[in-house]
Amino acid sequence: MFIAAAIAALALQAAEAGALEPFQPQGFRSQVIVRIDAPVEEVFEAATGDVSPWWDHSFSLDPAELVIEPRFGGRFYERMEEGSEDGALHATIIYVDAPNTLRMDGPLGLQDRAYQLVTTWTLEESEVGGTRFTVDLAMQGEIDEGTAGVVTAVWVHFIDSRLRAWIEAGCNHAPDAPCDAWE
């Protein structure tokens, strides 16, 4: 009897606190494939660790760190300021078979939604040389077809327009030097 009364009281408090807004959970899969003119090991190394030279979407205007830790249990995180504990956990690394596969689970930039994104990178030698970089996306939750399309387009931007251009310009060999890959 006490439990029923407590539940009723909590339900009344929740109703008074604000209206519930339902959403219809959905799921989408998509894939991005980009050929990068560099060996698999070089591409994997450039795509992990400090990614701030080529990753251009962040919560902070100028993050102190933007890192993908290429180990299981590792993080893809953003630290807002040097020495600060303020930041964002974009994803957790749930599988690594370096330099061929990295899988992460996390919302990346969609942190204000009930949303899960599992992103799998597969790197393999391309038939015509270089690396075939495949990004498999599995999205579920508070997401619609338009948002799923945007998520896919953003990965095309990251891997093709940013990472590929950065590597093929040779900027990954001197990541602290100015890079003209995007000019």
N, C-alpha and C. Protein backbone atom coordinates (compact mmCIF):
# COMPACT_ATOMS: atom_id res chain seq x y z
N MET A 1 0.81 -1.17 0.00
CA MET A 1 0.00 0.00 0.00
C MET A 1 0.87 1.26 0.00
N PHE A 2 1.95 1.23 0.80
CA PHE A 2 2.85 2.36 0.88
C PHE A 2 3.49 2.63 -0.49
N ILE A 3 3.88 1.57 -1.20
CA ILE A 3 4.52 1.73 -2.51
C ILE A 3 3.54 2.35 -3.50
N ALA A 4 2.31 1.91 -3.51
CA ALA A 4 1.31 2.47 -4.43
C ALA A 4 1.09 3.96 -4.15
N ALA A 5 1.04 4.34 -2.89
CA ALA A 5 0.86 5.74 -2.53
C ALA A 5 2.07 6.57 -2.96
N ALA A 6 3.25 6.01 -2.79
CA ALA A 6 4.47 6.73 -3.19
C ALA A 6 4.52 6.91 -4.69
N ILE A 7 4.13 5.89 -5.45
CA ILE A 7 4.12 5.99 -6.90
C ILE A 7 3.10 7.04 -7.34
N ALA A 8 1.93 7.03 -6.71
CA ALA A 8 0.90 8.02 -7.06
C ALA A 8 1.40 9.44 -6.76
N ALA A 9 2.09 9.62 -5.64
CA ALA A 9 2.61 10.94 -5.29
C ALA A 9 3.68 11.39 -6.29
N LEU A 10 4.56 10.47 -6.68
CA LEU A 10 5.59 10.80 -7.67
C LEU A 10 4.97 11.13 -9.02
N ALA A 11 3.93 10.39 -9.41
CA ALA A 11 3.26 10.67 -10.68
C ALA A 11 2.63 12.05 -10.67
N LEU A 12 2.05 12.44 -9.55
CA LEU A 12 1.45 13.76 -9.42
C LEU A 12 2.52 14.84 -9.52
N GLN A 13 3.68 14.63 -8.85
CA GLN A 13 4.78 15.60 -8.91
C GLN A 13 5.30 15.72 -10.34
N ALA A 14 5.42 14.58 -11.04
CA ALA A 14 5.90 14.61 -12.43
C ALA A 14 4.93 15.37 -13.31
N ALA A 15 3.64 15.16 -13.13
CA ALA A 15 2.63 15.86 -13.93
C ALA A 15 2.68 17.35 -13.68
N GLU A 16 2.94 17.75 -12.44
CA GLU A 16 3.02 19.16 -12.10
C GLU A 16 4.31 19.79 -12.62
N ALA A 17 5.37 18.99 -12.75
CA ALA A 17 6.66 19.51 -13.18
C ALA A 17 6.68 19.89 -14.65
N GLY A 18 5.87 19.26 -15.46
CA GLY A 18 5.85 19.58 -16.88
C GLY A 18 5.23 18.46 -17.68
N ALA A 19 4.84 18.78 -18.86
CA ALA A 19 4.20 17.80 -19.73
C ALA A 19 5.23 16.81 -20.26
N LEU A 20 4.80 15.58 -20.39
CA LEU A 20 5.63 14.58 -21.03
C LEU A 20 5.52 14.74 -22.54
N GLU A 21 6.63 14.60 -23.20
CA GLU A 21 6.65 14.75 -24.65
C GLU A 21 7.14 13.44 -25.26
N PRO A 22 6.23 12.63 -25.81
CA PRO A 22 6.65 11.34 -26.36
C PRO A 22 7.42 11.52 -27.68
N PHE A 23 8.25 10.54 -27.98
CA PHE A 23 8.89 10.49 -29.29
C PHE A 23 8.85 9.05 -29.77
N GLN A 24 8.93 8.89 -31.07
CA GLN A 24 8.90 7.56 -31.67
C GLN A 24 10.32 7.13 -31.97
N PRO A 25 10.85 6.14 -31.24
CA PRO A 25 12.22 5.69 -31.53
C PRO A 25 12.28 5.04 -32.92
N GLN A 26 13.37 5.31 -33.60
CA GLN A 26 13.60 4.74 -34.92
C GLN A 26 15.04 4.29 -35.03
N GLY A 27 15.33 3.55 -36.06
CA GLY A 27 16.69 3.12 -36.31
C GLY A 27 17.05 3.25 -37.77
N PHE A 28 18.31 3.55 -38.02
CA PHE A 28 18.80 3.69 -39.39
C PHE A 28 20.22 3.13 -39.46
N ARG A 29 20.57 2.62 -40.60
CA ARG A 29 21.95 2.20 -40.89
C ARG A 29 22.40 2.94 -42.14
N SER A 30 23.66 3.26 -42.17
CA SER A 30 24.23 3.84 -43.39
C SER A 30 25.71 3.50 -43.43
N GLN A 31 26.31 3.76 -44.58
CA GLN A 31 27.72 3.42 -44.78
C GLN A 31 28.37 4.50 -45.63
N VAL A 32 29.60 4.82 -45.28
CA VAL A 32 30.42 5.77 -46.03
C VAL A 32 31.71 5.04 -46.40
N ILE A 33 32.11 5.13 -47.66
CA ILE A 33 33.36 4.50 -48.11
C ILE A 33 34.21 5.56 -48.80
N VAL A 34 35.45 5.69 -48.33
CA VAL A 34 36.37 6.68 -48.87
C VAL A 34 37.71 6.00 -49.14
N ARG A 35 38.30 6.26 -50.30
CA ARG A 35 39.64 5.76 -50.59
C ARG A 35 40.65 6.85 -50.24
N ILE A 36 41.66 6.47 -49.46
CA ILE A 36 42.70 7.41 -49.05
C ILE A 36 44.03 6.91 -49.59
N ASP A 37 44.77 7.77 -50.24
CA ASP A 37 46.03 7.40 -50.88
C ASP A 37 47.17 7.36 -49.85
N ALA A 38 47.11 6.34 -48.99
CA ALA A 38 48.14 6.11 -47.98
C ALA A 38 47.95 4.70 -47.43
N PRO A 39 48.99 4.10 -46.86
CA PRO A 39 48.87 2.75 -46.30
C PRO A 39 47.91 2.71 -45.10
N VAL A 40 47.33 1.54 -44.87
CA VAL A 40 46.36 1.34 -43.79
C VAL A 40 46.92 1.79 -42.44
N GLU A 41 48.13 1.40 -42.10
CA GLU A 41 48.72 1.73 -40.80
C GLU A 41 48.83 3.25 -40.62
N GLU A 42 49.23 3.94 -41.66
CA GLU A 42 49.37 5.40 -41.61
C GLU A 42 48.01 6.07 -41.42
N VAL A 43 47.00 5.57 -42.11
CA VAL A 43 45.66 6.14 -42.01
C VAL A 43 45.10 5.92 -40.61
N PHE A 44 45.25 4.71 -40.08
CA PHE A 44 44.75 4.42 -38.73
C PHE A 44 45.43 5.32 -37.69
N GLU A 45 46.73 5.46 -37.81
CA GLU A 45 47.47 6.31 -36.87
C GLU A 45 47.02 7.77 -36.97
N ALA A 46 46.79 8.24 -38.17
CA ALA A 46 46.34 9.63 -38.36
C ALA A 46 44.91 9.84 -37.88
N ALA A 47 44.08 8.80 -37.96
CA ALA A 47 42.66 8.91 -37.59
C ALA A 47 42.42 8.78 -36.09
N THR A 48 43.45 8.41 -35.34
CA THR A 48 43.30 8.22 -33.90
C THR A 48 44.32 9.08 -33.15
N GLY A 49 44.24 9.04 -31.84
CA GLY A 49 45.12 9.89 -31.04
C GLY A 49 44.56 11.31 -31.04
N ASP A 50 45.44 12.28 -31.16
CA ASP A 50 45.02 13.68 -31.22
C ASP A 50 44.42 13.94 -32.60
N VAL A 51 43.11 14.12 -32.66
CA VAL A 51 42.44 14.34 -33.96
C VAL A 51 42.11 15.81 -34.20
N SER A 52 42.53 16.67 -33.30
CA SER A 52 42.19 18.10 -33.43
C SER A 52 42.71 18.75 -34.71
N PRO A 53 43.83 18.28 -35.32
CA PRO A 53 44.23 18.93 -36.57
C PRO A 53 43.23 18.76 -37.72
N TRP A 54 42.48 17.67 -37.74
CA TRP A 54 41.57 17.44 -38.87
C TRP A 54 40.09 17.38 -38.48
N TRP A 55 39.77 17.13 -37.24
CA TRP A 55 38.36 17.06 -36.79
C TRP A 55 37.89 18.48 -36.50
N ASP A 56 36.88 18.96 -37.20
CA ASP A 56 36.51 20.37 -37.09
C ASP A 56 35.13 20.62 -36.49
N HIS A 57 34.55 19.65 -35.78
CA HIS A 57 33.29 19.88 -35.08
C HIS A 57 33.53 19.62 -33.60
N SER A 58 33.21 20.58 -32.75
CA SER A 58 33.43 20.43 -31.31
C SER A 58 32.42 21.30 -30.57
N PHE A 59 32.29 21.04 -29.29
CA PHE A 59 31.43 21.87 -28.45
C PHE A 59 32.11 23.19 -28.12
N SER A 60 33.41 23.15 -27.91
CA SER A 60 34.19 24.33 -27.62
C SER A 60 34.66 24.96 -28.93
N LEU A 61 34.78 26.28 -28.97
CA LEU A 61 35.29 26.94 -30.17
C LEU A 61 36.74 26.57 -30.45
N ASP A 62 37.51 26.37 -29.38
CA ASP A 62 38.92 26.02 -29.52
C ASP A 62 39.29 25.02 -28.43
N PRO A 63 38.93 23.73 -28.61
CA PRO A 63 39.17 22.76 -27.55
C PRO A 63 40.66 22.56 -27.28
N ALA A 64 40.98 22.33 -26.01
CA ALA A 64 42.36 22.05 -25.63
C ALA A 64 42.80 20.68 -26.13
N GLU A 65 41.86 19.73 -26.13
CA GLU A 65 42.15 18.38 -26.61
C GLU A 65 40.92 17.82 -27.32
N LEU A 66 41.18 17.06 -28.36
CA LEU A 66 40.17 16.29 -29.07
C LEU A 66 40.87 14.98 -29.40
N VAL A 67 40.53 13.91 -28.68
CA VAL A 67 41.33 12.68 -28.71
C VAL A 67 40.45 11.45 -28.91
N ILE A 68 40.90 10.56 -29.78
CA ILE A 68 40.33 9.22 -29.91
C ILE A 68 41.40 8.25 -29.42
N GLU A 69 41.14 7.62 -28.27
CA GLU A 69 42.09 6.67 -27.69
C GLU A 69 41.87 5.30 -28.32
N PRO A 70 42.80 4.82 -29.15
CA PRO A 70 42.59 3.59 -29.91
C PRO A 70 42.87 2.32 -29.10
N ARG A 71 42.06 2.12 -28.05
CA ARG A 71 42.16 0.92 -27.22
C ARG A 71 40.76 0.62 -26.68
N PHE A 72 40.46 -0.65 -26.43
CA PHE A 72 39.12 -0.96 -25.92
C PHE A 72 38.97 -0.31 -24.56
N GLY A 73 37.80 0.27 -24.33
CA GLY A 73 37.58 1.05 -23.12
C GLY A 73 38.10 2.47 -23.24
N GLY A 74 38.74 2.79 -24.34
CA GLY A 74 39.23 4.15 -24.56
C GLY A 74 38.07 5.10 -24.80
N ARG A 75 38.42 6.36 -24.97
CA ARG A 75 37.39 7.38 -25.13
C ARG A 75 37.66 8.20 -26.38
N PHE A 76 36.59 8.76 -26.91
CA PHE A 76 36.68 9.85 -27.86
C PHE A 76 36.16 11.05 -27.07
N TYR A 77 37.08 11.92 -26.67
CA TYR A 77 36.68 13.00 -25.77
C TYR A 77 37.21 14.35 -26.24
N GLU A 78 36.59 15.36 -25.68
CA GLU A 78 36.96 16.75 -25.93
C GLU A 78 37.15 17.43 -24.58
N ARG A 79 38.31 18.02 -24.37
CA ARG A 79 38.56 18.81 -23.16
C ARG A 79 38.47 20.28 -23.57
N MET A 80 37.63 21.03 -22.84
CA MET A 80 37.37 22.41 -23.22
C MET A 80 38.59 23.32 -23.07
N GLU A 81 39.26 23.23 -21.90
CA GLU A 81 40.43 24.08 -21.63
C GLU A 81 41.53 23.25 -21.01
N GLU A 82 42.76 23.61 -21.28
CA GLU A 82 43.92 22.91 -20.72
C GLU A 82 43.80 22.83 -19.20
N GLY A 83 43.96 21.63 -18.66
CA GLY A 83 43.93 21.43 -17.21
C GLY A 83 42.54 21.40 -16.61
N SER A 84 41.52 21.64 -17.41
CA SER A 84 40.15 21.68 -16.91
C SER A 84 39.51 20.29 -16.97
N GLU A 85 38.54 20.08 -16.12
CA GLU A 85 37.76 18.85 -16.18
C GLU A 85 36.48 19.06 -16.98
N ASP A 86 36.27 20.24 -17.55
CA ASP A 86 35.11 20.50 -18.41
C ASP A 86 35.37 19.89 -19.78
N GLY A 87 34.36 19.22 -20.31
CA GLY A 87 34.53 18.62 -21.62
C GLY A 87 33.34 17.79 -22.01
N ALA A 88 33.54 16.94 -23.00
CA ALA A 88 32.48 16.08 -23.50
C ALA A 88 33.06 14.72 -23.84
N LEU A 89 32.32 13.69 -23.48
CA LEU A 89 32.64 12.33 -23.90
C LEU A 89 31.79 12.05 -25.14
N HIS A 90 32.41 12.05 -26.29
CA HIS A 90 31.68 11.85 -27.55
C HIS A 90 31.32 10.38 -27.75
N ALA A 91 32.21 9.47 -27.34
CA ALA A 91 31.97 8.04 -27.52
C ALA A 91 32.96 7.25 -26.68
N THR A 92 32.64 5.99 -26.48
CA THR A 92 33.52 5.04 -25.82
C THR A 92 33.96 4.01 -26.86
N ILE A 93 35.23 3.66 -26.84
CA ILE A 93 35.75 2.68 -27.78
C ILE A 93 35.39 1.29 -27.24
N ILE A 94 34.63 0.53 -28.05
CA ILE A 94 34.16 -0.78 -27.58
C ILE A 94 34.85 -1.95 -28.27
N TYR A 95 35.62 -1.67 -29.33
CA TYR A 95 36.34 -2.75 -30.02
C TYR A 95 37.47 -2.13 -30.83
N VAL A 96 38.63 -2.76 -30.74
CA VAL A 96 39.76 -2.33 -31.56
C VAL A 96 40.52 -3.56 -32.04
N ASP A 97 40.82 -3.59 -33.31
CA ASP A 97 41.74 -4.55 -33.91
C ASP A 97 42.62 -3.72 -34.84
N ALA A 98 43.55 -2.98 -34.22
CA ALA A 98 44.39 -2.02 -34.96
C ALA A 98 45.30 -2.77 -35.94
N PRO A 99 45.50 -2.23 -37.10
CA PRO A 99 45.00 -0.98 -37.65
C PRO A 99 43.76 -1.15 -38.54
N ASN A 100 43.05 -2.25 -38.39
CA ASN A 100 41.96 -2.54 -39.33
C ASN A 100 40.56 -2.17 -38.86
N THR A 101 40.30 -2.20 -37.56
CA THR A 101 38.93 -1.95 -37.10
C THR A 101 38.95 -1.14 -35.80
N LEU A 102 38.03 -0.19 -35.72
CA LEU A 102 37.78 0.55 -34.49
C LEU A 102 36.27 0.76 -34.41
N ARG A 103 35.68 0.42 -33.26
CA ARG A 103 34.23 0.60 -33.08
C ARG A 103 34.01 1.44 -31.84
N MET A 104 33.16 2.45 -31.98
CA MET A 104 32.84 3.32 -30.85
C MET A 104 31.33 3.43 -30.68
N ASP A 105 30.94 3.63 -29.44
CA ASP A 105 29.52 3.74 -29.08
C ASP A 105 29.35 5.06 -28.36
N GLY A 106 28.55 5.93 -28.94
CA GLY A 106 28.31 7.21 -28.31
C GLY A 106 27.59 8.16 -29.24
N PRO A 107 26.99 9.19 -28.68
CA PRO A 107 26.16 10.10 -29.47
C PRO A 107 26.93 11.11 -30.30
N LEU A 108 28.25 11.20 -30.11
CA LEU A 108 29.05 12.22 -30.77
C LEU A 108 28.41 13.58 -30.55
N GLY A 109 28.00 14.29 -31.56
CA GLY A 109 27.46 15.64 -31.37
C GLY A 109 26.00 15.70 -30.96
N LEU A 110 25.28 14.59 -30.99
CA LEU A 110 23.85 14.61 -30.66
C LEU A 110 23.62 14.27 -29.20
N GLN A 111 24.25 15.00 -28.31
CA GLN A 111 24.19 14.67 -26.90
C GLN A 111 22.94 15.17 -26.20
N ASP A 112 22.07 15.85 -26.91
CA ASP A 112 20.85 16.36 -26.28
C ASP A 112 19.63 15.51 -26.64
N ARG A 113 19.86 14.29 -27.07
CA ARG A 113 18.78 13.40 -27.47
C ARG A 113 18.94 12.04 -26.81
N ALA A 114 17.82 11.29 -26.78
CA ALA A 114 17.86 9.88 -26.38
C ALA A 114 18.26 9.11 -27.64
N TYR A 115 19.55 8.89 -27.81
CA TYR A 115 20.09 8.48 -29.10
C TYR A 115 21.33 7.64 -28.87
N GLN A 116 21.48 6.59 -29.65
CA GLN A 116 22.68 5.77 -29.59
C GLN A 116 23.22 5.62 -31.00
N LEU A 117 24.52 5.75 -31.12
CA LEU A 117 25.19 5.60 -32.41
C LEU A 117 26.38 4.67 -32.21
N VAL A 118 26.40 3.57 -32.94
CA VAL A 118 27.57 2.70 -32.97
C VAL A 118 28.22 2.92 -34.33
N THR A 119 29.47 3.37 -34.28
CA THR A 119 30.23 3.70 -35.48
C THR A 119 31.39 2.71 -35.60
N THR A 120 31.48 2.05 -36.73
CA THR A 120 32.57 1.09 -36.96
C THR A 120 33.41 1.56 -38.13
N TRP A 121 34.71 1.68 -37.89
CA TRP A 121 35.65 1.99 -38.95
C TRP A 121 36.31 0.68 -39.37
N THR A 122 36.34 0.42 -40.67
CA THR A 122 37.07 -0.72 -41.21
C THR A 122 38.06 -0.18 -42.24
N LEU A 123 39.33 -0.45 -42.00
CA LEU A 123 40.38 0.01 -42.91
C LEU A 123 41.02 -1.21 -43.54
N GLU A 124 41.09 -1.22 -44.86
CA GLU A 124 41.71 -2.34 -45.57
C GLU A 124 42.39 -1.81 -46.82
N GLU A 125 43.32 -2.61 -47.34
CA GLU A 125 43.99 -2.21 -48.57
C GLU A 125 42.98 -2.11 -49.69
N SER A 126 43.05 -1.03 -50.43
CA SER A 126 42.19 -0.84 -51.60
C SER A 126 42.76 -1.64 -52.77
N GLU A 127 41.87 -2.11 -53.65
CA GLU A 127 42.30 -2.87 -54.82
C GLU A 127 43.20 -2.05 -55.74
N VAL A 128 43.07 -0.72 -55.69
CA VAL A 128 43.85 0.15 -56.56
C VAL A 128 44.97 0.87 -55.80
N GLY A 129 45.27 0.40 -54.59
CA GLY A 129 46.30 1.00 -53.77
C GLY A 129 45.71 1.93 -52.73
N GLY A 130 46.46 2.18 -51.69
CA GLY A 130 45.98 3.02 -50.61
C GLY A 130 45.05 2.26 -49.69
N THR A 131 44.20 3.00 -49.00
CA THR A 131 43.31 2.43 -47.98
C THR A 131 41.85 2.66 -48.35
N ARG A 132 41.09 1.62 -48.20
CA ARG A 132 39.62 1.74 -48.30
C ARG A 132 39.14 1.91 -46.87
N PHE A 133 38.60 3.09 -46.55
CA PHE A 133 38.14 3.45 -45.20
C PHE A 133 36.62 3.40 -45.23
N THR A 134 36.04 2.42 -44.53
CA THR A 134 34.59 2.25 -44.49
C THR A 134 34.10 2.65 -43.11
N VAL A 135 33.06 3.47 -43.08
CA VAL A 135 32.40 3.86 -41.84
C VAL A 135 30.99 3.27 -41.88
N ASP A 136 30.70 2.33 -40.97
CA ASP A 136 29.36 1.77 -40.83
C ASP A 136 28.70 2.43 -39.65
N LEU A 137 27.49 2.95 -39.86
CA LEU A 137 26.76 3.67 -38.82
C LEU A 137 25.47 2.92 -38.49
N ALA A 138 25.25 2.66 -37.21
CA ALA A 138 23.99 2.08 -36.73
C ALA A 138 23.43 3.06 -35.71
N MET A 139 22.29 3.68 -36.06
CA MET A 139 21.70 4.74 -35.24
C MET A 139 20.34 4.27 -34.74
N GLN A 140 20.05 4.57 -33.48
CA GLN A 140 18.72 4.25 -32.96
C GLN A 140 18.33 5.23 -31.88
N GLY A 141 17.03 5.41 -31.72
CA GLY A 141 16.53 6.27 -30.67
C GLY A 141 15.73 7.43 -31.22
N GLU A 142 15.92 8.58 -30.60
CA GLU A 142 15.21 9.80 -30.97
C GLU A 142 15.87 10.41 -32.21
N ILE A 143 15.58 9.80 -33.35
CA ILE A 143 16.22 10.20 -34.60
C ILE A 143 15.22 10.01 -35.73
N ASP A 144 15.24 10.90 -36.69
CA ASP A 144 14.39 10.77 -37.86
C ASP A 144 15.28 10.60 -39.08
N GLU A 145 14.66 10.38 -40.22
CA GLU A 145 15.42 10.13 -41.45
C GLU A 145 16.31 11.31 -41.81
N GLY A 146 15.81 12.53 -41.60
CA GLY A 146 16.60 13.72 -41.92
C GLY A 146 17.86 13.80 -41.08
N THR A 147 17.72 13.56 -39.77
CA THR A 147 18.88 13.61 -38.88
C THR A 147 19.85 12.48 -39.22
N ALA A 148 19.33 11.30 -39.53
CA ALA A 148 20.21 10.18 -39.92
C ALA A 148 21.00 10.55 -41.18
N GLY A 149 20.36 11.25 -42.10
CA GLY A 149 21.06 11.70 -43.31
C GLY A 149 22.15 12.71 -42.99
N VAL A 150 21.88 13.59 -42.04
CA VAL A 150 22.88 14.58 -41.63
C VAL A 150 24.07 13.88 -40.97
N VAL A 151 23.80 12.90 -40.11
CA VAL A 151 24.89 12.15 -39.45
C VAL A 151 25.78 11.51 -40.52
N THR A 152 25.18 10.89 -41.52
CA THR A 152 25.95 10.26 -42.60
C THR A 152 26.76 11.31 -43.36
N ALA A 153 26.14 12.43 -43.69
CA ALA A 153 26.84 13.49 -44.42
C ALA A 153 28.01 14.06 -43.62
N VAL A 154 27.85 14.16 -42.31
CA VAL A 154 28.94 14.66 -41.47
C VAL A 154 30.12 13.69 -41.50
N TRP A 155 29.84 12.38 -41.51
CA TRP A 155 30.94 11.41 -41.61
C TRP A 155 31.63 11.49 -42.96
N VAL A 156 30.90 11.75 -44.04
CA VAL A 156 31.54 11.98 -45.35
C VAL A 156 32.48 13.18 -45.22
N HIS A 157 32.00 14.23 -44.58
CA HIS A 157 32.82 15.43 -44.36
C HIS A 157 34.10 15.08 -43.58
N PHE A 158 33.94 14.38 -42.44
CA PHE A 158 35.10 14.07 -41.60
C PHE A 158 36.14 13.22 -42.33
N ILE A 159 35.70 12.14 -42.95
CA ILE A 159 36.65 11.19 -43.52
C ILE A 159 37.14 11.63 -44.90
N ASP A 160 36.26 12.10 -45.76
CA ASP A 160 36.68 12.47 -47.11
C ASP A 160 37.24 13.89 -47.17
N SER A 161 36.47 14.85 -46.71
CA SER A 161 36.89 16.25 -46.85
C SER A 161 37.99 16.65 -45.88
N ARG A 162 38.02 16.03 -44.71
CA ARG A 162 39.01 16.45 -43.70
C ARG A 162 40.18 15.45 -43.59
N LEU A 163 39.92 14.22 -43.13
CA LEU A 163 41.01 13.27 -42.89
C LEU A 163 41.75 12.92 -44.18
N ARG A 164 41.04 12.54 -45.23
CA ARG A 164 41.70 12.18 -46.49
C ARG A 164 42.55 13.34 -47.01
N ALA A 165 41.95 14.53 -47.03
CA ALA A 165 42.69 15.70 -47.53
C ALA A 165 43.92 15.98 -46.68
N TRP A 166 43.79 15.83 -45.36
CA TRP A 166 44.90 16.09 -44.44
C TRP A 166 46.04 15.11 -44.67
N ILE A 167 45.70 13.82 -44.82
CA ILE A 167 46.72 12.80 -45.05
C ILE A 167 47.36 12.97 -46.42
N GLU A 168 46.54 13.13 -47.44
CA GLU A 168 47.08 13.22 -48.80
C GLU A 168 47.91 14.49 -49.04
N ALA A 169 47.71 15.52 -48.22
CA ALA A 169 48.56 16.71 -48.28
C ALA A 169 49.84 16.53 -47.48
N GLY A 170 49.96 15.39 -46.76
CA GLY A 170 51.15 15.11 -45.97
C GLY A 170 51.16 15.81 -44.63
N CYS A 171 50.06 16.43 -44.24
CA CYS A 171 50.01 17.19 -43.00
C CYS A 171 50.11 16.30 -41.76
N ASN A 172 49.75 15.03 -41.88
CA ASN A 172 49.86 14.12 -40.74
C ASN A 172 51.31 13.85 -40.34
N HIS A 173 52.26 14.15 -41.21
CA HIS A 173 53.67 13.95 -40.88
C HIS A 173 54.23 15.09 -40.04
N ALA A 174 53.54 16.23 -40.03
CA ALA A 174 53.91 17.39 -39.21
C ALA A 174 52.63 18.02 -38.67
N PRO A 175 51.94 17.32 -37.75
CA PRO A 175 50.60 17.78 -37.33
C PRO A 175 50.56 19.13 -36.64
N ASP A 176 51.69 19.61 -36.12
CA ASP A 176 51.71 20.91 -35.46
C ASP A 176 52.02 22.06 -36.41
N ALA A 177 52.41 21.72 -37.63
CA ALA A 177 52.72 22.75 -38.63
C ALA A 177 51.44 23.17 -39.34
N PRO A 178 51.45 24.38 -39.91
CA PRO A 178 50.28 24.81 -40.69
C PRO A 178 50.03 23.84 -41.86
N CYS A 179 48.76 23.63 -42.17
CA CYS A 179 48.39 22.69 -43.23
C CYS A 179 47.49 23.40 -44.23
N ASP A 180 47.81 23.24 -45.51
CA ASP A 180 47.00 23.89 -46.54
C ASP A 180 46.05 22.91 -47.23
N ALA A 181 45.73 21.82 -46.56
CA ALA A 181 44.87 20.78 -47.16
C ALA A 181 43.47 21.28 -47.47
N TRP A 182 42.99 22.28 -46.75
CA TRP A 182 41.60 22.71 -46.91
C TRP A 182 41.49 24.09 -47.56
N GLU A 183 42.58 24.63 -48.04
CA GLU A 183 42.54 25.97 -48.64
C GLU A 183 42.20 25.92 -50.11
